Amino acid sequence: MDSLPNPVILPAASAAIGALLGIKLAFWRVRGRRAGFAALDVLALLPAFFPAQLLAAGMQSLVGDSPLSFPPLWPVLAVGIVSMPFAYLPARIAFARIDREFRDTARVIGMNVLQRAVRIDLRMAWPSLALGALLATARTLSAYGTEIFSDAAAAALILAFSLAAALLLARAINRPASQP
């Protein structure tokens, strides 16, 4: 029996890590009003320019032969980190476009932080969040593509995700500013 998990689980885990990390970081960046947060944009977008294999090898070399050296762990994390900027940027733009008056009104009527995040932020930003998750998944599939699928299947899957992302992006670009 093979000790590695199903090869479809690895890209799914990487895409989920990238999308969730990007969305959470974007929410934190937009809702936090602290000095130095502008540098977070640069740091959040920087992993898009790293080769995932180099990042995985670097992380693996840091832990050596420790219990954390489970073979698929570092490539999954590395591809998740490399795909994170593709979810971060649409989420950051969407969260920044939400009018502060909606959140202030929700606070006045007694909503707590979690209720405001779910009922205001996530509800208004979901098209851009879906776009970011789709872009992160397409980036993840392009990183794993030929190792998991045949070349034709990988190309078809990446093309399908890319077309869906392009359609969502075109819709987001053409949406009026009053609708985040």
C-alpha atoms as a PDB file:
ATOM      1  CA  MET A   1       0.000   0.000   0.000  1.00  0.00           C
ATOM      2  CA  ASP A   2       1.279   3.407  -0.922  1.00  0.00           C
ATOM      3  CA  SER A   3       2.016   5.718   2.004  1.00  0.00           C
ATOM      4  CA  LEU A   4       1.197   8.900   0.071  1.00  0.00           C
ATOM      5  CA  PRO A   5      -2.375  10.223  -0.009  1.00  0.00           C
ATOM      6  CA  ASN A   6      -4.522  10.243  -3.113  1.00  0.00           C
ATOM      7  CA  PRO A   7      -2.905  12.631  -5.620  1.00  0.00           C
ATOM      8  CA  VAL A   8      -6.110  14.649  -5.974  1.00  0.00           C
ATOM      9  CA  ILE A   9      -6.072  15.433  -2.244  1.00  0.00           C
ATOM     10  CA  LEU A  10      -2.697  17.191  -2.460  1.00  0.00           C
ATOM     11  CA  PRO A  11      -3.727  19.925  -4.929  1.00  0.00           C
ATOM     12  CA  ALA A  12      -7.083  20.309  -3.178  1.00  0.00           C
ATOM     13  CA  ALA A  13      -5.289  20.861   0.139  1.00  0.00           C
ATOM     14  CA  SER A  14      -2.872  23.334  -1.470  1.00  0.00           C
ATOM     15  CA  ALA A  15      -5.705  25.268  -3.121  1.00  0.00           C
ATOM     16  CA  ALA A  16      -7.654  25.388   0.157  1.00  0.00           C
ATOM     17  CA  ILE A  17      -4.580  26.610   2.062  1.00  0.00           C
ATOM     18  CA  GLY A  18      -3.894  29.291  -0.545  1.00  0.00           C
ATOM     19  CA  ALA A  19      -7.491  30.483  -0.775  1.00  0.00           C
ATOM     20  CA  LEU A  20      -8.186  30.535   2.971  1.00  0.00           C
ATOM     21  CA  LEU A  21      -4.859  32.139   3.820  1.00  0.00           C
ATOM     22  CA  GLY A  22      -5.312  34.793   1.117  1.00  0.00           C
ATOM     23  CA  ILE A  23      -8.878  35.649   2.151  1.00  0.00           C
ATOM     24  CA  LYS A  24      -8.034  35.795   5.864  1.00  0.00           C
ATOM     25  CA  LEU A  25      -4.946  37.920   5.236  1.00  0.00           C
ATOM     26  CA  ALA A  26      -6.942  40.313   3.010  1.00  0.00           C
ATOM     27  CA  PHE A  27      -9.689  40.655   5.627  1.00  0.00           C
ATOM     28  CA  TRP A  28      -7.104  41.314   8.325  1.00  0.00           C
ATOM     29  CA  ARG A  29      -5.321  43.844   6.106  1.00  0.00           C
ATOM     30  CA  VAL A  30      -8.457  45.831   5.235  1.00  0.00           C
ATOM     31  CA  ARG A  31     -10.060  45.758   8.691  1.00  0.00           C
ATOM     32  CA  GLY A  32      -6.822  46.506  10.543  1.00  0.00           C
ATOM     33  CA  ARG A  33      -5.894  50.168  10.688  1.00  0.00           C
ATOM     34  CA  ARG A  34      -2.369  49.857  12.011  1.00  0.00           C
ATOM     35  CA  ALA A  35       0.862  51.438  10.836  1.00  0.00           C
ATOM     36  CA  GLY A  36       2.928  49.207   8.609  1.00  0.00           C
ATOM     37  CA  PHE A  37      -0.008  47.357   7.049  1.00  0.00           C
ATOM     38  CA  ALA A  38       0.841  48.797   3.628  1.00  0.00           C
ATOM     39  CA  ALA A  39       3.983  46.645   3.632  1.00  0.00           C
ATOM     40  CA  LEU A  40       1.717  43.629   4.093  1.00  0.00           C
ATOM     41  CA  ASP A  41       0.492  44.054   0.510  1.00  0.00           C
ATOM     42  CA  VAL A  42       4.011  43.618  -0.811  1.00  0.00           C
ATOM     43  CA  LEU A  43       4.687  40.637   1.448  1.00  0.00           C
ATOM     44  CA  ALA A  44       1.353  39.034   0.529  1.00  0.00           C
ATOM     45  CA  LEU A  45       1.962  39.339  -3.217  1.00  0.00           C
ATOM     46  CA  LEU A  46       5.625  38.308  -3.132  1.00  0.00           C
ATOM     47  CA  PRO A  47       5.076  34.500  -3.026  1.00  0.00           C
ATOM     48  CA  ALA A  48       3.458  34.625  -6.478  1.00  0.00           C
ATOM     49  CA  PHE A  49       6.948  35.093  -7.901  1.00  0.00           C
ATOM     50  CA  PHE A  50       8.581  32.158  -6.052  1.00  0.00           C
ATOM     51  CA  PRO A  51       8.978  28.762  -7.675  1.00  0.00           C
ATOM     52  CA  ALA A  52       7.005  26.356  -5.473  1.00  0.00           C
ATOM     53  CA  GLN A  53       9.672  23.649  -5.761  1.00  0.00           C
ATOM     54  CA  LEU A  54      12.345  25.998  -4.404  1.00  0.00           C
ATOM     55  CA  LEU A  55      10.126  27.077  -1.514  1.00  0.00           C
ATOM     56  CA  ALA A  56       9.283  23.442  -0.655  1.00  0.00           C
ATOM     57  CA  ALA A  57      12.951  22.438  -0.738  1.00  0.00           C
ATOM     58  CA  GLY A  58      13.844  25.366   1.512  1.00  0.00           C
ATOM     59  CA  MET A  59      11.130  24.527   4.040  1.00  0.00           C
ATOM     60  CA  GLN A  60      12.106  20.840   3.993  1.00  0.00           C
ATOM     61  CA  SER A  61      15.765  21.690   4.590  1.00  0.00           C
ATOM     62  CA  LEU A  62      14.819  23.771   7.639  1.00  0.00           C
ATOM     63  CA  VAL A  63      13.208  20.811   9.413  1.00  0.00           C
ATOM     64  CA  GLY A  64      15.639  18.099   8.256  1.00  0.00           C
ATOM     65  CA  ASP A  65      14.772  14.656   9.613  1.00  0.00           C
ATOM     66  CA  SER A  66      12.330  15.814  12.270  1.00  0.00           C
ATOM     67  CA  PRO A  67       8.816  14.389  12.664  1.00  0.00           C
ATOM     68  CA  LEU A  68       7.649  17.278  10.473  1.00  0.00           C
ATOM     69  CA  SER A  69       9.396  15.759   7.460  1.00  0.00           C
ATOM     70  CA  PHE A  70       6.286  13.947   6.169  1.00  0.00           C
ATOM     71  CA  PRO A  71       7.010  13.914   2.403  1.00  0.00           C
ATOM     72  CA  PRO A  72       3.914  15.649   0.955  1.00  0.00           C
ATOM     73  CA  LEU A  73       3.613  18.257   3.724  1.00  0.00           C
ATOM     74  CA  TRP A  74       6.144  20.777   2.408  1.00  0.00           C
ATOM     75  CA  PRO A  75       5.121  20.718  -1.265  1.00  0.00           C
ATOM     76  CA  VAL A  76       1.466  21.136  -0.242  1.00  0.00           C
ATOM     77  CA  LEU A  77       2.303  24.104   1.995  1.00  0.00           C
ATOM     78  CA  ALA A  78       4.677  25.606  -0.584  1.00  0.00           C
ATOM     79  CA  VAL A  79       2.122  25.466  -3.408  1.00  0.00           C
ATOM     80  CA  GLY A  80      -0.531  26.820  -1.027  1.00  0.00           C
ATOM     81  CA  ILE A  81       1.699  29.768  -0.136  1.00  0.00           C
ATOM     82  CA  VAL A  82       2.585  30.386  -3.791  1.00  0.00           C
ATOM     83  CA  SER A  83      -1.111  30.354  -4.777  1.00  0.00           C
ATOM     84  CA  MET A  84      -2.163  32.583  -1.859  1.00  0.00           C
ATOM     85  CA  PRO A  85      -1.601  35.942  -3.663  1.00  0.00           C
ATOM     86  CA  PHE A  86      -4.112  34.915  -6.322  1.00  0.00           C
ATOM     87  CA  ALA A  87      -6.801  34.766  -3.631  1.00  0.00           C
ATOM     88  CA  TYR A  88      -5.453  37.723  -1.631  1.00  0.00           C
ATOM     89  CA  LEU A  89      -5.685  40.425  -4.270  1.00  0.00           C
ATOM     90  CA  PRO A  90      -9.366  39.999  -5.316  1.00  0.00           C
ATOM     91  CA  ALA A  91     -10.367  39.563  -1.657  1.00  0.00           C
ATOM     92  CA  ARG A  92      -8.475  42.662  -0.564  1.00  0.00           C
ATOM     93  CA  ILE A  93     -10.061  44.773  -3.286  1.00  0.00           C
ATOM     94  CA  ALA A  94     -13.543  43.450  -2.480  1.00  0.00           C
ATOM     95  CA  PHE A  95     -13.209  44.009   1.275  1.00  0.00           C
ATOM     96  CA  ALA A  96     -11.850  47.524   0.706  1.00  0.00           C
ATOM     97  CA  ARG A  97     -14.817  48.415  -1.511  1.00  0.00           C
ATOM     98  CA  ILE A  98     -17.396  47.634   1.182  1.00  0.00           C
ATOM     99  CA  ASP A  99     -18.794  50.878   2.514  1.00  0.00           C
ATOM    100  CA  ARG A 100     -17.934  51.446   6.173  1.00  0.00           C
ATOM    101  CA  GLU A 101     -21.484  52.682   6.788  1.00  0.00           C
ATOM    102  CA  PHE A 102     -22.812  49.125   6.374  1.00  0.00           C
ATOM    103  CA  ARG A 103     -20.512  47.887   9.139  1.00  0.00           C
ATOM    104  CA  ASP A 104     -21.265  50.882  11.358  1.00  0.00           C
ATOM    105  CA  THR A 105     -25.008  50.380  10.949  1.00  0.00           C
ATOM    106  CA  ALA A 106     -24.643  46.678  11.757  1.00  0.00           C
ATOM    107  CA  ARG A 107     -22.680  47.579  14.893  1.00  0.00           C
ATOM    108  CA  VAL A 108     -25.370  50.059  15.965  1.00  0.00           C
ATOM    109  CA  ILE A 109     -28.143  47.470  15.630  1.00  0.00           C
ATOM    110  CA  GLY A 110     -26.172  45.092  17.845  1.00  0.00           C
ATOM    111  CA  MET A 111     -24.325  42.696  15.540  1.00  0.00           C
ATOM    112  CA  ASN A 112     -21.115  41.288  16.965  1.00  0.00           C
ATOM    113  CA  VAL A 113     -17.856  41.045  15.002  1.00  0.00           C
ATOM    114  CA  LEU A 114     -18.557  37.554  13.651  1.00  0.00           C
ATOM    115  CA  GLN A 115     -22.086  38.466  12.555  1.00  0.00           C
ATOM    116  CA  ARG A 116     -20.780  41.566  10.762  1.00  0.00           C
ATOM    117  CA  ALA A 117     -18.079  39.533   9.047  1.00  0.00           C
ATOM    118  CA  VAL A 118     -20.562  36.915   7.813  1.00  0.00           C
ATOM    119  CA  ARG A 119     -23.617  39.065   7.091  1.00  0.00           C
ATOM    120  CA  ILE A 120     -21.855  42.124   5.680  1.00  0.00           C
ATOM    121  CA  ASP A 121     -18.314  41.377   4.525  1.00  0.00           C
ATOM    122  CA  LEU A 122     -18.611  37.829   3.226  1.00  0.00           C
ATOM    123  CA  ARG A 123     -22.038  38.369   1.704  1.00  0.00           C
ATOM    124  CA  MET A 124     -20.963  41.480  -0.210  1.00  0.00           C
ATOM    125  CA  ALA A 125     -17.535  40.189  -1.234  1.00  0.00           C
ATOM    126  CA  TRP A 126     -18.406  36.590  -2.179  1.00  0.00           C
ATOM    127  CA  PRO A 127     -18.067  36.997  -5.990  1.00  0.00           C
ATOM    128  CA  SER A 128     -14.524  38.277  -5.593  1.00  0.00           C
ATOM    129  CA  LEU A 129     -13.748  35.651  -2.966  1.00  0.00           C
ATOM    130  CA  ALA A 130     -14.959  32.965  -5.365  1.00  0.00           C
ATOM    131  CA  LEU A 131     -12.802  34.463  -8.102  1.00  0.00           C
ATOM    132  CA  GLY A 132      -9.760  34.440  -5.824  1.00  0.00           C
ATOM    133  CA  ALA A 133     -10.371  30.835  -4.802  1.00  0.00           C
ATOM    134  CA  LEU A 134     -10.740  29.894  -8.452  1.00  0.00           C
ATOM    135  CA  LEU A 135      -7.515  31.687  -9.385  1.00  0.00           C
ATOM    136  CA  ALA A 136      -5.673  30.017  -6.485  1.00  0.00           C
ATOM    137  CA  THR A 137      -7.009  26.641  -7.624  1.00  0.00           C
ATOM    138  CA  ALA A 138      -5.901  27.291 -11.207  1.00  0.00           C
ATOM    139  CA  ARG A 139      -2.427  28.245  -9.955  1.00  0.00           C
ATOM    140  CA  THR A 140      -2.323  25.123  -7.817  1.00  0.00           C
ATOM    141  CA  LEU A 141      -3.368  22.897 -10.709  1.00  0.00           C
ATOM    142  CA  SER A 142      -0.706  24.443 -12.909  1.00  0.00           C
ATOM    143  CA  ALA A 143       1.899  23.625 -10.254  1.00  0.00           C
ATOM    144  CA  TYR A 144       0.750  20.011  -9.834  1.00  0.00           C
ATOM    145  CA  GLY A 145      -0.691  19.472 -13.320  1.00  0.00           C
ATOM    146  CA  THR A 146       1.587  17.080 -15.130  1.00  0.00           C
ATOM    147  CA  GLU A 147       2.531  15.085 -12.030  1.00  0.00           C
ATOM    148  CA  ILE A 148      -1.072  14.153 -11.337  1.00  0.00           C
ATOM    149  CA  PHE A 149      -2.930  14.151 -14.626  1.00  0.00           C
ATOM    150  CA  SER A 150      -1.934  13.289 -18.144  1.00  0.00           C
ATOM    151  CA  ASP A 151      -0.721  16.307 -20.107  1.00  0.00           C
ATOM    152  CA  ALA A 152      -3.993  16.632 -22.043  1.00  0.00           C
ATOM    153  CA  ALA A 153      -6.170  16.263 -18.949  1.00  0.00           C
ATOM    154  CA  ALA A 154      -4.080  18.793 -17.026  1.00  0.00           C
ATOM    155  CA  ALA A 155      -4.233  21.279 -19.882  1.00  0.00           C
ATOM    156  CA  ALA A 156      -8.009  20.868 -20.213  1.00  0.00           C
ATOM    157  CA  LEU A 157      -8.584  21.254 -16.466  1.00  0.00           C
ATOM    158  CA  ILE A 158      -6.335  24.291 -16.176  1.00  0.00           C
ATOM    159  CA  LEU A 159      -7.978  25.826 -19.249  1.00  0.00           C
ATOM    160  CA  ALA A 160     -11.458  25.271 -17.778  1.00  0.00           C
ATOM    161  CA  PHE A 161     -10.470  26.885 -14.459  1.00  0.00           C
ATOM    162  CA  SER A 162      -8.749  29.757 -16.276  1.00  0.00           C
ATOM    163  CA  LEU A 163     -11.799  30.432 -18.463  1.00  0.00           C
ATOM    164  CA  ALA A 164     -14.096  30.396 -15.440  1.00  0.00           C
ATOM    165  CA  ALA A 165     -11.729  32.780 -13.637  1.00  0.00           C
ATOM    166  CA  ALA A 166     -11.603  35.080 -16.678  1.00  0.00           C
ATOM    167  CA  LEU A 167     -15.412  35.192 -16.829  1.00  0.00           C
ATOM    168  CA  LEU A 168     -15.670  35.989 -13.120  1.00  0.00           C
ATOM    169  CA  LEU A 169     -12.954  38.625 -13.464  1.00  0.00           C
ATOM    170  CA  ALA A 170     -14.731  40.258 -16.411  1.00  0.00           C
ATOM    171  CA  ARG A 171     -17.943  40.305 -14.388  1.00  0.00           C
ATOM    172  CA  ALA A 172     -16.158  41.818 -11.387  1.00  0.00           C
ATOM    173  CA  ILE A 173     -14.495  44.504 -13.515  1.00  0.00           C
ATOM    174  CA  ASN A 174     -17.789  45.518 -15.133  1.00  0.00           C
ATOM    175  CA  ARG A 175     -19.703  45.670 -11.845  1.00  0.00           C
ATOM    176  CA  PRO A 176     -20.550  49.195 -10.615  1.00  0.00           C
ATOM    177  CA  ALA A 177     -18.495  50.503  -7.682  1.00  0.00           C
ATOM    178  CA  SER A 178     -21.570  50.573  -5.438  1.00  0.00           C
ATOM    179  CA  GLN A 179     -21.740  46.760  -5.649  1.00  0.00           C
ATOM    180  CA  PRO A 180     -18.568  45.261  -4.123  1.00  0.00           C
END
